[in-house]
Amino acid sequence: MKYKRKCKYCENKEGHILEQKKNLIYVTCGVCGEVIDIVGGRMAKQLKEKLKGVV
């Protein structure tokens, strides 16, 4: 699954890195390295299912 939200710091839309820590997924920008979003709850479950091999 691609995470398509735009980075608020450098306007990048692709290449985001998804890291799982406990039950939250941290979305880090692939260009500037800032944490864009912390995903939890129902959205995190959907991301986890699509990212089984990646996270």
C-alpha atoms as a PDB file:
ATOM      1  CA  MET A   1       0.000   0.000   0.000  1.00  0.00           C
ATOM      2  CA  LYS A   2       1.290   3.421  -0.896  1.00  0.00           C
ATOM      3  CA  TYR A   3       0.743   6.220   1.581  1.00  0.00           C
ATOM      4  CA  LYS A   4      -0.097   9.182  -0.653  1.00  0.00           C
ATOM      5  CA  ARG A   5      -0.404  12.101   1.745  1.00  0.00           C
ATOM      6  CA  LYS A   6       1.780  15.117   0.982  1.00  0.00           C
ATOM      7  CA  CYS A   7       4.615  15.969   3.374  1.00  0.00           C
ATOM      8  CA  LYS A   8       3.947  19.290   5.123  1.00  0.00           C
ATOM      9  CA  TYR A   9       7.644  20.179   5.145  1.00  0.00           C
ATOM     10  CA  CYS A  10       8.970  19.430   1.639  1.00  0.00           C
ATOM     11  CA  GLU A  11       5.807  18.791  -0.487  1.00  0.00           C
ATOM     12  CA  ASN A  12       6.969  15.236  -1.312  1.00  0.00           C
ATOM     13  CA  LYS A  13       4.178  12.722  -2.059  1.00  0.00           C
ATOM     14  CA  GLU A  14       6.074   9.454  -2.632  1.00  0.00           C
ATOM     15  CA  GLY A  15       8.616   7.207  -0.945  1.00  0.00           C
ATOM     16  CA  HIS A  16       7.305   7.498   2.592  1.00  0.00           C
ATOM     17  CA  ILE A  17       8.721   5.064   5.138  1.00  0.00           C
ATOM     18  CA  LEU A  18       6.244   3.222   7.367  1.00  0.00           C
ATOM     19  CA  GLU A  19       7.504   1.998  10.733  1.00  0.00           C
ATOM     20  CA  GLN A  20       5.474   0.032  13.240  1.00  0.00           C
ATOM     21  CA  LYS A  21       6.005   0.764  16.922  1.00  0.00           C
ATOM     22  CA  LYS A  22       3.639  -1.114  19.235  1.00  0.00           C
ATOM     23  CA  ASN A  23       0.142  -0.635  17.739  1.00  0.00           C
ATOM     24  CA  LEU A  24       0.867   2.678  15.972  1.00  0.00           C
ATOM     25  CA  ILE A  25       2.326   3.179  12.516  1.00  0.00           C
ATOM     26  CA  TYR A  26       4.693   6.119  12.094  1.00  0.00           C
ATOM     27  CA  VAL A  27       4.848   7.615   8.594  1.00  0.00           C
ATOM     28  CA  THR A  28       8.210   9.254   7.888  1.00  0.00           C
ATOM     29  CA  CYS A  29       8.974  11.310   4.781  1.00  0.00           C
ATOM     30  CA  GLY A  30      11.493   9.613   2.502  1.00  0.00           C
ATOM     31  CA  VAL A  31      13.102  12.939   1.494  1.00  0.00           C
ATOM     32  CA  CYS A  32      13.404  15.174   4.573  1.00  0.00           C
ATOM     33  CA  GLY A  33      13.001  12.497   7.280  1.00  0.00           C
ATOM     34  CA  GLU A  34      10.303  14.302   9.285  1.00  0.00           C
ATOM     35  CA  VAL A  35       7.453  12.307  10.846  1.00  0.00           C
ATOM     36  CA  ILE A  36       4.389  13.296   8.820  1.00  0.00           C
ATOM     37  CA  ASP A  37       1.722  11.239  10.506  1.00  0.00           C
ATOM     38  CA  ILE A  38       1.101   8.747  13.289  1.00  0.00           C
ATOM     39  CA  VAL A  39      -1.606   6.289  12.304  1.00  0.00           C
ATOM     40  CA  GLY A  40      -3.613   4.337  14.865  1.00  0.00           C
ATOM     41  CA  GLY A  41      -6.923   2.540  15.203  1.00  0.00           C
ATOM     42  CA  ARG A  42      -8.912   1.340  12.205  1.00  0.00           C
ATOM     43  CA  MET A  43      -6.639   3.010   9.639  1.00  0.00           C
ATOM     44  CA  ALA A  44      -3.586   1.283  11.159  1.00  0.00           C
ATOM     45  CA  LYS A  45      -5.270  -2.124  10.835  1.00  0.00           C
ATOM     46  CA  GLN A  46      -5.909  -1.494   7.119  1.00  0.00           C
ATOM     47  CA  LEU A  47      -2.306  -0.376   6.573  1.00  0.00           C
ATOM     48  CA  LYS A  48      -0.963  -3.414   8.462  1.00  0.00           C
ATOM     49  CA  GLU A  49      -2.969  -5.861   6.350  1.00  0.00           C
ATOM     50  CA  LYS A  50      -1.622  -4.368   3.123  1.00  0.00           C
ATOM     51  CA  LEU A  51       1.928  -4.038   4.461  1.00  0.00           C
ATOM     52  CA  LYS A  52       2.499  -7.532   5.847  1.00  0.00           C
ATOM     53  CA  GLY A  53       5.780  -7.983   3.969  1.00  0.00           C
ATOM     54  CA  VAL A  54       7.016  -4.401   4.375  1.00  0.00           C
ATOM     55  CA  VAL A  55       6.642  -3.491   8.052  1.00  0.00           C
END
